[in-house]
N, C-alpha and C. Protein backbone atom coordinates (compact mmCIF):
# COMPACT_ATOMS: atom_id res chain seq x y z
N UNK A 1 24.92 59.05 160.31
CA UNK A 1 25.02 59.20 161.76
C UNK A 1 24.93 60.68 162.13
N UNK A 2 24.19 61.00 163.20
CA UNK A 2 24.00 62.39 163.58
C UNK A 2 25.28 62.97 164.17
N UNK A 3 25.34 64.28 164.17
CA UNK A 3 26.49 64.98 164.72
C UNK A 3 26.62 64.68 166.21
N UNK A 4 25.49 64.54 166.90
CA UNK A 4 25.50 64.25 168.34
C UNK A 4 26.12 62.87 168.60
N UNK A 5 25.76 61.90 167.75
CA UNK A 5 26.33 60.55 167.89
C UNK A 5 27.83 60.57 167.66
N UNK A 6 28.26 61.32 166.65
CA UNK A 6 29.69 61.44 166.37
C UNK A 6 30.43 62.07 167.54
N UNK A 7 29.84 63.08 168.13
CA UNK A 7 30.45 63.77 169.26
C UNK A 7 30.55 62.83 170.46
N UNK A 8 29.48 62.07 170.70
CA UNK A 8 29.47 61.11 171.81
C UNK A 8 30.54 60.04 171.61
N UNK A 9 30.62 59.48 170.40
CA UNK A 9 31.61 58.44 170.13
C UNK A 9 33.03 58.97 170.28
N UNK A 10 33.26 60.19 169.82
CA UNK A 10 34.60 60.78 169.97
C UNK A 10 34.95 60.94 171.45
N UNK A 11 33.97 61.40 172.25
CA UNK A 11 34.22 61.59 173.68
C UNK A 11 34.47 60.24 174.35
N UNK A 12 33.64 59.25 174.04
CA UNK A 12 33.82 57.91 174.63
C UNK A 12 35.18 57.32 174.27
N UNK A 13 35.52 57.35 172.98
CA UNK A 13 36.79 56.79 172.52
C UNK A 13 37.99 57.54 173.10
N UNK A 14 37.85 58.85 173.26
CA UNK A 14 38.94 59.66 173.83
C UNK A 14 39.18 59.28 175.29
N UNK A 15 38.10 59.12 176.04
CA UNK A 15 38.23 58.75 177.46
C UNK A 15 38.86 57.36 177.59
N UNK A 16 38.39 56.43 176.76
CA UNK A 16 38.97 55.08 176.79
C UNK A 16 40.45 55.13 176.43
N UNK A 17 40.78 55.87 175.38
CA UNK A 17 42.18 55.95 174.94
C UNK A 17 43.06 56.57 176.03
N UNK A 18 42.55 57.59 176.69
CA UNK A 18 43.30 58.22 177.78
C UNK A 18 43.52 57.24 178.92
N UNK A 19 42.46 56.51 179.27
CA UNK A 19 42.57 55.51 180.33
C UNK A 19 43.59 54.43 180.00
N UNK A 20 43.57 53.97 178.75
CA UNK A 20 44.53 52.94 178.34
C UNK A 20 45.95 53.50 178.26
N UNK A 21 46.09 54.76 177.85
CA UNK A 21 47.42 55.39 177.82
C UNK A 21 48.01 55.48 179.22
N UNK A 22 47.17 55.84 180.19
CA UNK A 22 47.62 55.89 181.59
C UNK A 22 48.02 54.49 182.06
N UNK A 23 47.22 53.50 181.68
CA UNK A 23 47.50 52.12 182.07
C UNK A 23 48.83 51.64 181.50
N UNK A 24 49.05 51.89 180.21
CA UNK A 24 50.31 51.49 179.57
C UNK A 24 51.48 52.18 180.25
N UNK A 25 51.31 53.48 180.53
CA UNK A 25 52.37 54.24 181.18
C UNK A 25 52.72 53.64 182.54
N UNK A 26 51.72 53.29 183.32
CA UNK A 26 51.95 52.70 184.63
C UNK A 26 52.64 51.34 184.52
N UNK A 27 52.18 50.51 183.57
CA UNK A 27 52.76 49.18 183.39
C UNK A 27 54.23 49.28 182.98
N UNK A 28 54.51 50.13 182.01
CA UNK A 28 55.88 50.26 181.52
C UNK A 28 56.79 50.93 182.55
N UNK A 29 56.26 51.91 183.26
CA UNK A 29 57.05 52.57 184.32
C UNK A 29 57.44 51.57 185.40
N UNK A 30 56.47 50.73 185.77
CA UNK A 30 56.76 49.69 186.76
C UNK A 30 57.80 48.71 186.25
N UNK A 31 57.69 48.35 184.98
CA UNK A 31 58.65 47.41 184.40
C UNK A 31 60.06 48.00 184.37
N UNK A 32 60.15 49.28 183.98
CA UNK A 32 61.47 49.94 183.90
C UNK A 32 62.09 50.06 185.29
N UNK A 33 61.28 50.40 186.29
CA UNK A 33 61.83 50.63 187.63
C UNK A 33 62.16 49.33 188.36
N UNK A 34 61.41 48.26 188.08
CA UNK A 34 61.61 47.00 188.80
C UNK A 34 62.35 45.94 187.99
N UNK A 35 62.44 46.16 186.66
CA UNK A 35 63.03 45.17 185.75
C UNK A 35 62.33 43.82 185.88
N UNK A 36 61.02 43.89 186.13
CA UNK A 36 60.23 42.67 186.34
C UNK A 36 58.87 42.81 185.68
N UNK A 37 58.34 41.67 185.22
CA UNK A 37 57.01 41.65 184.61
C UNK A 37 55.90 41.54 185.66
N UNK A 38 56.28 41.38 186.91
CA UNK A 38 55.30 40.98 187.93
C UNK A 38 54.37 42.09 188.42
N UNK A 39 54.67 43.34 188.09
CA UNK A 39 53.87 44.43 188.66
C UNK A 39 52.79 45.00 187.77
N UNK A 40 52.49 44.33 186.66
CA UNK A 40 51.53 44.90 185.70
C UNK A 40 50.16 45.09 186.31
N UNK A 41 49.64 44.07 186.97
CA UNK A 41 48.28 44.18 187.52
C UNK A 41 48.27 45.15 188.70
N UNK A 42 49.28 45.08 189.56
CA UNK A 42 49.32 45.97 190.72
C UNK A 42 49.37 47.43 190.31
N UNK A 43 50.02 47.72 189.19
CA UNK A 43 50.19 49.12 188.77
C UNK A 43 48.99 49.66 188.00
N UNK A 44 48.27 48.80 187.29
CA UNK A 44 47.18 49.32 186.44
C UNK A 44 45.95 48.42 186.39
N UNK A 45 45.95 47.34 187.13
CA UNK A 45 44.87 46.37 187.04
C UNK A 45 43.48 46.91 187.33
N UNK A 46 43.35 47.67 188.41
CA UNK A 46 42.02 48.16 188.78
C UNK A 46 41.48 49.16 187.76
N UNK A 47 42.36 49.99 187.22
CA UNK A 47 41.93 50.93 186.17
C UNK A 47 41.49 50.17 184.93
N UNK A 48 42.24 49.13 184.56
CA UNK A 48 41.88 48.35 183.38
C UNK A 48 40.57 47.60 183.60
N UNK A 49 40.35 47.11 184.80
CA UNK A 49 39.07 46.46 185.11
C UNK A 49 37.91 47.43 184.88
N UNK A 50 38.08 48.68 185.32
CA UNK A 50 37.05 49.70 185.13
C UNK A 50 36.84 49.99 183.64
N UNK A 51 37.94 50.18 182.91
CA UNK A 51 37.84 50.48 181.48
C UNK A 51 37.14 49.36 180.73
N UNK A 52 37.49 48.13 181.09
CA UNK A 52 36.94 47.00 180.37
C UNK A 52 35.48 46.75 180.72
N UNK A 53 35.09 47.05 181.95
CA UNK A 53 33.68 46.93 182.33
C UNK A 53 32.84 47.96 181.59
N UNK A 54 33.33 49.19 181.55
CA UNK A 54 32.62 50.26 180.85
C UNK A 54 32.54 49.98 179.34
N UNK A 55 33.49 49.19 178.83
CA UNK A 55 33.52 48.89 177.39
C UNK A 55 32.30 48.08 176.93
N UNK A 56 31.44 47.66 177.87
CA UNK A 56 30.17 47.04 177.46
C UNK A 56 29.36 48.00 176.60
N UNK A 57 29.62 49.28 176.75
CA UNK A 57 28.94 50.28 175.92
C UNK A 57 29.18 50.02 174.44
N UNK A 58 30.31 49.40 174.10
CA UNK A 58 30.60 49.11 172.69
C UNK A 58 29.64 48.07 172.13
N UNK A 59 29.18 47.16 173.00
CA UNK A 59 28.13 46.21 172.60
C UNK A 59 26.83 46.96 172.36
N UNK A 60 26.53 47.91 173.25
CA UNK A 60 25.32 48.73 173.11
C UNK A 60 25.39 49.57 171.84
N UNK A 61 26.57 50.12 171.55
CA UNK A 61 26.72 50.94 170.33
C UNK A 61 26.35 50.12 169.09
N UNK A 62 26.82 48.87 169.04
CA UNK A 62 26.49 48.01 167.91
C UNK A 62 25.01 47.65 167.87
N UNK A 63 24.43 47.46 169.06
CA UNK A 63 23.02 47.05 169.13
C UNK A 63 22.09 48.15 168.64
N UNK A 64 22.42 49.41 168.95
CA UNK A 64 21.53 50.51 168.55
C UNK A 64 21.92 51.11 167.21
N UNK A 65 23.02 50.62 166.63
CA UNK A 65 23.36 50.99 165.26
C UNK A 65 24.19 52.25 165.08
N UNK A 66 24.77 52.79 166.14
CA UNK A 66 25.58 54.00 165.94
C UNK A 66 27.00 53.65 165.45
N UNK A 67 27.35 52.35 165.51
CA UNK A 67 28.55 51.84 164.85
C UNK A 67 28.13 50.58 164.09
N UNK A 68 28.82 50.23 163.00
CA UNK A 68 28.38 49.11 162.16
C UNK A 68 28.90 47.74 162.60
N UNK A 69 29.32 47.62 163.85
CA UNK A 69 29.97 46.38 164.30
C UNK A 69 29.01 45.25 164.59
N UNK A 70 27.71 45.56 164.77
CA UNK A 70 26.77 44.54 165.21
C UNK A 70 26.94 44.27 166.70
N UNK A 71 26.36 43.18 167.17
CA UNK A 71 26.37 42.86 168.60
C UNK A 71 27.29 41.69 168.93
N UNK A 72 27.26 40.63 168.12
CA UNK A 72 27.91 39.38 168.48
C UNK A 72 29.41 39.51 168.70
N UNK A 73 30.13 40.10 167.75
CA UNK A 73 31.58 40.15 167.85
C UNK A 73 32.06 41.05 169.00
N UNK A 74 31.48 42.26 169.17
CA UNK A 74 31.86 43.06 170.35
C UNK A 74 31.53 42.35 171.66
N UNK A 75 30.41 41.62 171.69
CA UNK A 75 30.03 40.90 172.91
C UNK A 75 31.01 39.77 173.21
N UNK A 76 31.46 39.07 172.18
CA UNK A 76 32.44 38.01 172.37
C UNK A 76 33.75 38.56 172.93
N UNK A 77 34.20 39.67 172.37
CA UNK A 77 35.46 40.26 172.84
C UNK A 77 35.31 40.79 174.25
N UNK A 78 34.23 41.51 174.51
CA UNK A 78 34.00 42.06 175.84
C UNK A 78 33.88 40.95 176.87
N UNK A 79 33.10 39.92 176.56
CA UNK A 79 32.90 38.81 177.49
C UNK A 79 34.20 38.09 177.80
N UNK A 80 35.02 37.86 176.77
CA UNK A 80 36.30 37.18 176.97
C UNK A 80 37.23 37.98 177.87
N UNK A 81 37.31 39.27 177.63
CA UNK A 81 38.21 40.11 178.42
C UNK A 81 37.73 40.25 179.87
N UNK A 82 36.43 40.44 180.05
CA UNK A 82 35.90 40.62 181.40
C UNK A 82 36.04 39.32 182.20
N UNK A 83 35.81 38.20 181.55
CA UNK A 83 36.01 36.92 182.25
C UNK A 83 37.46 36.76 182.66
N UNK A 84 38.37 37.06 181.75
CA UNK A 84 39.80 36.96 182.04
C UNK A 84 40.17 37.83 183.25
N UNK A 85 39.69 39.08 183.24
CA UNK A 85 40.07 40.04 184.27
C UNK A 85 39.36 39.81 185.60
N UNK A 86 38.04 39.80 185.56
CA UNK A 86 37.26 39.79 186.80
C UNK A 86 37.10 38.40 187.40
N UNK A 87 36.92 37.40 186.55
CA UNK A 87 36.68 36.05 187.08
C UNK A 87 37.97 35.33 187.46
N UNK A 88 39.07 35.66 186.78
CA UNK A 88 40.32 34.93 187.04
C UNK A 88 41.37 35.82 187.69
N UNK A 89 41.86 36.82 186.96
CA UNK A 89 43.00 37.61 187.47
C UNK A 89 42.66 38.35 188.76
N UNK A 90 41.54 39.02 188.79
CA UNK A 90 41.18 39.80 189.98
C UNK A 90 40.84 38.90 191.16
N UNK A 91 40.35 37.72 190.85
CA UNK A 91 39.89 36.77 191.89
C UNK A 91 41.03 35.94 192.47
N UNK A 92 42.05 35.63 191.65
CA UNK A 92 43.14 34.76 192.09
C UNK A 92 44.41 35.60 192.22
N UNK A 93 44.73 35.97 193.43
CA UNK A 93 45.87 36.86 193.68
C UNK A 93 47.17 36.24 193.18
N UNK A 94 47.28 34.92 193.27
CA UNK A 94 48.53 34.25 192.91
C UNK A 94 48.92 34.41 191.45
N UNK A 95 47.96 34.68 190.57
CA UNK A 95 48.29 34.79 189.15
C UNK A 95 48.58 36.23 188.72
N UNK A 96 48.34 37.18 189.60
CA UNK A 96 48.43 38.59 189.22
C UNK A 96 49.84 39.03 188.85
N UNK A 97 50.85 38.31 189.32
CA UNK A 97 52.23 38.71 189.06
C UNK A 97 52.87 37.89 187.93
N UNK A 98 52.10 37.07 187.25
CA UNK A 98 52.65 36.25 186.18
C UNK A 98 52.94 37.08 184.93
N UNK A 99 53.97 36.72 184.17
CA UNK A 99 54.29 37.45 182.93
C UNK A 99 53.14 37.46 181.92
N UNK A 100 52.30 36.44 181.95
CA UNK A 100 51.18 36.37 181.01
C UNK A 100 50.21 37.53 181.21
N UNK A 101 50.09 38.01 182.45
CA UNK A 101 49.25 39.18 182.72
C UNK A 101 49.87 40.42 182.09
N UNK A 102 51.16 40.57 182.24
CA UNK A 102 51.88 41.70 181.63
C UNK A 102 51.67 41.70 180.11
N UNK A 103 51.88 40.54 179.47
CA UNK A 103 51.74 40.43 178.01
C UNK A 103 50.33 40.81 177.57
N UNK A 104 49.33 40.27 178.27
CA UNK A 104 47.94 40.50 177.87
C UNK A 104 47.53 41.96 178.04
N UNK A 105 47.78 42.52 179.20
CA UNK A 105 47.36 43.91 179.46
C UNK A 105 48.08 44.89 178.54
N UNK A 106 49.36 44.63 178.27
CA UNK A 106 50.10 45.51 177.37
C UNK A 106 49.55 45.41 175.95
N UNK A 107 49.25 44.20 175.51
CA UNK A 107 48.69 44.01 174.16
C UNK A 107 47.35 44.71 174.04
N UNK A 108 46.48 44.55 175.04
CA UNK A 108 45.18 45.22 175.00
C UNK A 108 45.35 46.73 174.92
N UNK A 109 46.25 47.27 175.74
CA UNK A 109 46.45 48.71 175.75
C UNK A 109 46.97 49.23 174.43
N UNK A 110 47.91 48.52 173.84
CA UNK A 110 48.45 48.95 172.55
C UNK A 110 47.38 48.89 171.47
N UNK A 111 46.56 47.84 171.50
CA UNK A 111 45.47 47.72 170.52
C UNK A 111 44.52 48.92 170.64
N UNK A 112 44.06 49.19 171.86
CA UNK A 112 43.07 50.26 172.06
C UNK A 112 43.63 51.63 171.70
N UNK A 113 44.86 51.90 172.12
CA UNK A 113 45.42 53.23 171.86
C UNK A 113 45.86 53.41 170.41
N UNK A 114 46.43 52.37 169.80
CA UNK A 114 46.86 52.50 168.41
C UNK A 114 45.66 52.70 167.49
N UNK A 115 44.58 52.00 167.77
CA UNK A 115 43.39 52.15 166.92
C UNK A 115 42.82 53.57 167.04
N UNK A 116 42.87 54.13 168.25
CA UNK A 116 42.39 55.50 168.42
C UNK A 116 43.34 56.48 167.73
N UNK A 117 44.65 56.30 167.93
CA UNK A 117 45.63 57.23 167.36
C UNK A 117 45.68 57.15 165.84
N UNK A 118 45.37 55.96 165.29
CA UNK A 118 45.40 55.79 163.84
C UNK A 118 44.04 56.03 163.18
N UNK A 119 43.08 56.53 163.98
CA UNK A 119 41.72 56.68 163.46
C UNK A 119 41.62 57.68 162.32
N UNK A 120 42.62 58.56 162.21
CA UNK A 120 42.60 59.55 161.13
C UNK A 120 43.25 59.01 159.86
N UNK A 121 43.84 57.82 159.98
CA UNK A 121 44.49 57.20 158.82
C UNK A 121 43.52 56.26 158.11
N UNK A 122 43.86 55.79 156.91
CA UNK A 122 42.97 54.86 156.20
C UNK A 122 42.62 53.65 157.06
N UNK A 123 41.41 53.14 156.87
CA UNK A 123 40.94 52.00 157.67
C UNK A 123 41.87 50.80 157.54
N UNK A 124 42.49 50.63 156.37
CA UNK A 124 43.39 49.50 156.15
C UNK A 124 44.53 49.53 157.17
N UNK A 125 45.05 50.73 157.45
CA UNK A 125 46.14 50.87 158.41
C UNK A 125 45.68 50.46 159.80
N UNK A 126 44.47 50.87 160.19
CA UNK A 126 43.95 50.53 161.51
C UNK A 126 43.77 49.03 161.64
N UNK A 127 43.15 48.41 160.63
CA UNK A 127 42.93 46.97 160.69
C UNK A 127 44.24 46.20 160.70
N UNK A 128 45.23 46.69 159.96
CA UNK A 128 46.53 46.02 159.93
C UNK A 128 47.17 46.05 161.31
N UNK A 129 47.13 47.19 162.00
CA UNK A 129 47.68 47.29 163.35
C UNK A 129 46.99 46.32 164.29
N UNK A 130 45.67 46.24 164.18
CA UNK A 130 44.90 45.34 165.04
C UNK A 130 45.25 43.89 164.74
N UNK A 131 45.37 43.54 163.46
CA UNK A 131 45.68 42.18 163.05
C UNK A 131 47.04 41.73 163.58
N UNK A 132 47.99 42.65 163.65
CA UNK A 132 49.33 42.31 164.14
C UNK A 132 49.37 42.14 165.66
N UNK A 133 48.56 42.93 166.37
CA UNK A 133 48.60 42.91 167.84
C UNK A 133 47.64 41.90 168.46
N UNK A 134 46.58 41.56 167.77
CA UNK A 134 45.54 40.73 168.35
C UNK A 134 46.06 39.36 168.81
N UNK A 135 46.92 38.67 168.02
CA UNK A 135 47.43 37.36 168.47
C UNK A 135 48.24 37.45 169.77
N UNK A 136 48.89 38.57 170.00
CA UNK A 136 49.65 38.76 171.24
C UNK A 136 48.72 38.72 172.45
N UNK A 137 47.59 39.41 172.35
CA UNK A 137 46.62 39.40 173.43
C UNK A 137 46.02 38.03 173.65
N UNK A 138 45.70 37.34 172.55
CA UNK A 138 45.14 35.99 172.65
C UNK A 138 46.11 35.04 173.35
N UNK A 139 47.38 35.10 172.95
CA UNK A 139 48.39 34.22 173.54
C UNK A 139 48.49 34.45 175.05
N UNK A 140 48.46 35.73 175.46
CA UNK A 140 48.53 36.05 176.88
C UNK A 140 47.33 35.53 177.65
N UNK A 141 46.12 35.70 177.07
CA UNK A 141 44.91 35.22 177.73
C UNK A 141 44.93 33.71 177.93
N UNK A 142 45.27 32.98 176.88
CA UNK A 142 45.28 31.51 176.96
C UNK A 142 46.38 31.02 177.90
N UNK A 143 47.52 31.66 177.85
CA UNK A 143 48.64 31.30 178.71
C UNK A 143 48.24 31.45 180.18
N UNK A 144 47.62 32.57 180.50
CA UNK A 144 47.21 32.83 181.88
C UNK A 144 46.14 31.83 182.34
N UNK A 145 45.14 31.58 181.51
CA UNK A 145 44.08 30.65 181.91
C UNK A 145 44.64 29.26 182.16
N UNK A 146 45.59 28.85 181.32
CA UNK A 146 46.23 27.54 181.52
C UNK A 146 47.00 27.51 182.83
N UNK A 147 47.73 28.58 183.13
CA UNK A 147 48.49 28.65 184.37
C UNK A 147 47.57 28.69 185.60
N UNK A 148 46.37 29.24 185.43
CA UNK A 148 45.44 29.37 186.55
C UNK A 148 44.69 28.09 186.86
N UNK A 149 44.69 27.13 185.95
CA UNK A 149 43.88 25.91 186.13
C UNK A 149 44.15 25.19 187.46
N UNK A 150 45.42 24.94 187.83
CA UNK A 150 45.65 24.25 189.12
C UNK A 150 45.08 25.01 190.31
N UNK A 151 45.19 26.32 190.30
CA UNK A 151 44.66 27.14 191.39
C UNK A 151 43.14 27.12 191.40
N UNK A 152 42.55 27.16 190.22
CA UNK A 152 41.09 27.08 190.12
C UNK A 152 40.59 25.78 190.71
N UNK A 153 41.30 24.70 190.43
CA UNK A 153 40.91 23.38 190.94
C UNK A 153 41.13 23.28 192.44
N UNK A 154 42.27 23.75 192.91
CA UNK A 154 42.59 23.69 194.35
C UNK A 154 41.60 24.51 195.17
N UNK A 155 41.29 25.70 194.69
CA UNK A 155 40.38 26.59 195.41
C UNK A 155 38.91 26.22 195.21
N UNK A 156 38.66 25.31 194.26
CA UNK A 156 37.28 24.96 193.89
C UNK A 156 36.49 26.24 193.62
N UNK A 157 37.05 27.06 192.76
CA UNK A 157 36.54 28.41 192.51
C UNK A 157 35.12 28.38 191.96
N UNK A 158 34.29 29.28 192.48
CA UNK A 158 32.89 29.44 192.08
C UNK A 158 32.07 28.17 192.25
N UNK A 159 32.44 27.36 193.26
CA UNK A 159 31.70 26.11 193.52
C UNK A 159 30.23 26.40 193.82
N UNK A 160 29.96 27.50 194.51
CA UNK A 160 28.58 27.85 194.87
C UNK A 160 27.74 28.13 193.64
N UNK A 161 28.36 28.71 192.62
CA UNK A 161 27.63 29.06 191.39
C UNK A 161 27.37 27.83 190.53
N UNK A 162 28.34 26.91 190.50
CA UNK A 162 28.24 25.73 189.65
C UNK A 162 27.66 24.52 190.39
N UNK A 163 27.22 24.74 191.64
CA UNK A 163 26.74 23.62 192.47
C UNK A 163 25.61 22.83 191.82
N UNK A 164 24.70 23.51 191.17
CA UNK A 164 23.57 22.83 190.57
C UNK A 164 23.77 22.43 189.12
N UNK A 165 25.00 22.60 188.64
CA UNK A 165 25.29 22.32 187.23
C UNK A 165 26.15 21.06 187.09
N UNK A 166 26.07 20.40 185.94
CA UNK A 166 26.83 19.16 185.75
C UNK A 166 28.30 19.40 185.40
N UNK A 167 28.79 20.60 185.63
CA UNK A 167 30.16 20.95 185.28
C UNK A 167 30.71 21.90 186.33
N UNK A 168 31.99 21.77 186.65
CA UNK A 168 32.63 22.69 187.59
C UNK A 168 33.24 23.85 186.81
N UNK A 169 33.62 24.91 187.53
CA UNK A 169 34.26 26.04 186.86
C UNK A 169 35.60 25.61 186.27
N UNK A 170 36.29 24.72 186.97
CA UNK A 170 37.57 24.19 186.47
C UNK A 170 37.38 23.55 185.10
N UNK A 171 36.36 22.72 184.95
CA UNK A 171 36.10 22.08 183.66
C UNK A 171 35.58 23.07 182.62
N UNK A 172 34.84 24.07 183.09
CA UNK A 172 34.37 25.13 182.19
C UNK A 172 35.55 25.85 181.55
N UNK A 173 36.56 26.20 182.36
CA UNK A 173 37.73 26.90 181.83
C UNK A 173 38.51 25.99 180.87
N UNK A 174 38.58 24.69 181.17
CA UNK A 174 39.25 23.76 180.26
C UNK A 174 38.53 23.71 178.91
N UNK A 175 37.20 23.67 178.94
CA UNK A 175 36.43 23.68 177.70
C UNK A 175 36.61 25.02 176.98
N UNK A 176 36.60 26.10 177.75
CA UNK A 176 36.79 27.43 177.17
C UNK A 176 38.15 27.54 176.47
N UNK A 177 39.18 26.99 177.10
CA UNK A 177 40.51 27.01 176.50
C UNK A 177 40.52 26.24 175.17
N UNK A 178 39.80 25.12 175.14
CA UNK A 178 39.74 24.33 173.91
C UNK A 178 39.01 25.08 172.80
N UNK A 179 37.99 25.87 173.19
CA UNK A 179 37.18 26.60 172.21
C UNK A 179 37.78 27.95 171.83
N UNK A 180 38.65 28.48 172.68
CA UNK A 180 39.17 29.83 172.51
C UNK A 180 39.76 30.10 171.12
N UNK A 181 40.62 29.20 170.60
CA UNK A 181 41.20 29.49 169.29
C UNK A 181 40.15 29.60 168.18
N UNK A 182 39.07 28.83 168.29
CA UNK A 182 38.03 28.85 167.27
C UNK A 182 37.20 30.13 167.36
N UNK A 183 36.89 30.54 168.61
CA UNK A 183 36.16 31.80 168.78
C UNK A 183 37.02 32.98 168.34
N UNK A 184 38.31 32.92 168.70
CA UNK A 184 39.24 33.97 168.30
C UNK A 184 39.37 34.04 166.78
N UNK A 185 39.40 32.86 166.14
CA UNK A 185 39.55 32.82 164.69
C UNK A 185 38.39 33.53 164.00
N UNK A 186 37.18 33.40 164.58
CA UNK A 186 36.01 34.08 164.01
C UNK A 186 36.22 35.59 164.03
N UNK A 187 36.71 36.10 165.16
CA UNK A 187 36.98 37.53 165.26
C UNK A 187 38.11 37.96 164.33
N UNK A 188 39.14 37.13 164.27
CA UNK A 188 40.32 37.45 163.48
C UNK A 188 39.99 37.48 161.99
N UNK A 189 39.25 36.48 161.52
CA UNK A 189 38.86 36.44 160.11
C UNK A 189 37.93 37.58 159.76
N UNK A 190 37.11 38.00 160.73
CA UNK A 190 36.24 39.16 160.51
C UNK A 190 37.07 40.41 160.23
N UNK A 191 38.20 40.55 160.93
CA UNK A 191 39.08 41.69 160.70
C UNK A 191 39.67 41.66 159.29
N UNK A 192 40.08 40.48 158.85
CA UNK A 192 40.61 40.34 157.49
C UNK A 192 39.52 40.68 156.46
N UNK A 193 38.29 40.24 156.76
CA UNK A 193 37.18 40.52 155.85
C UNK A 193 36.93 42.01 155.75
N UNK A 194 36.95 42.70 156.89
CA UNK A 194 36.74 44.15 156.90
C UNK A 194 37.88 44.87 156.19
N UNK A 195 39.11 44.40 156.43
CA UNK A 195 40.27 45.00 155.79
C UNK A 195 40.18 44.86 154.27
N UNK A 196 39.77 43.67 153.81
CA UNK A 196 39.64 43.42 152.38
C UNK A 196 38.57 44.30 151.77
N UNK A 197 37.44 44.45 152.50
CA UNK A 197 36.34 45.27 152.00
C UNK A 197 36.76 46.74 151.89
N UNK A 198 37.45 47.24 152.92
CA UNK A 198 37.90 48.63 152.89
C UNK A 198 38.94 48.85 151.79
N UNK A 199 39.82 47.86 151.61
CA UNK A 199 40.84 47.96 150.58
C UNK A 199 40.21 47.98 149.19
N UNK A 200 39.14 47.16 149.03
CA UNK A 200 38.42 47.14 147.75
C UNK A 200 37.76 48.46 147.45
N UNK A 201 37.19 49.09 148.47
CA UNK A 201 36.55 50.39 148.27
C UNK A 201 37.59 51.44 147.87
N UNK A 202 38.77 51.38 148.49
CA UNK A 202 39.81 52.35 148.15
C UNK A 202 40.28 52.19 146.72
N UNK A 203 40.40 50.94 146.26
CA UNK A 203 40.81 50.68 144.88
C UNK A 203 39.77 51.23 143.90
N UNK A 204 38.48 51.06 144.25
CA UNK A 204 37.41 51.56 143.39
C UNK A 204 37.46 53.08 143.28
N UNK A 205 37.72 53.74 144.43
CA UNK A 205 37.80 55.21 144.42
C UNK A 205 38.95 55.69 143.55
N UNK A 206 40.08 54.97 143.62
CA UNK A 206 41.23 55.35 142.82
C UNK A 206 40.95 55.21 141.33
N UNK A 207 40.21 54.15 140.98
CA UNK A 207 39.88 53.92 139.56
C UNK A 207 38.94 55.01 139.05
N UNK A 208 38.03 55.42 139.93
CA UNK A 208 37.08 56.47 139.51
C UNK A 208 37.75 57.84 139.46
């Protein structure tokens, strides 16, 4: 990888990490001052929406080869998060104060910032941190989508978009919820595979 690519990636990751650090700070400050989980989106939601939208660049990074992640897995993660944020949380005001939003946004922020802060440590440490935090984010996402289902049905959300399709958005989210654990498992097992590969390389270096 060229020095320019390395410099660009460092700048991109630094900006994202700073944005997530500000988001975590706002979420936790709100929690401490109000003793309530309900203010997570109000305190940092719009900033997180921006950060997550810009994170599409991570799909581009994999596509052009400046990171070895490929396209599919970053696209799955980006798509899942953006759907959660923009299609559900941002669109349905009633769900914005639910504890599931607090859990999800906090988990995402910790994942993003810990991976950046631990980037100077062995890859095994980074993957281990991600493996421990990732289920927390998944649980929050699924919990929120389940809680949003009655509102999605009542509001007939995105009826104009699904008008010509044999499925409503309400049924789409139900199917998505059923598939979510399997899609998540693919990402999760990929992390274990990467961790095992990095651990194997470290053992080889020690032997040599």
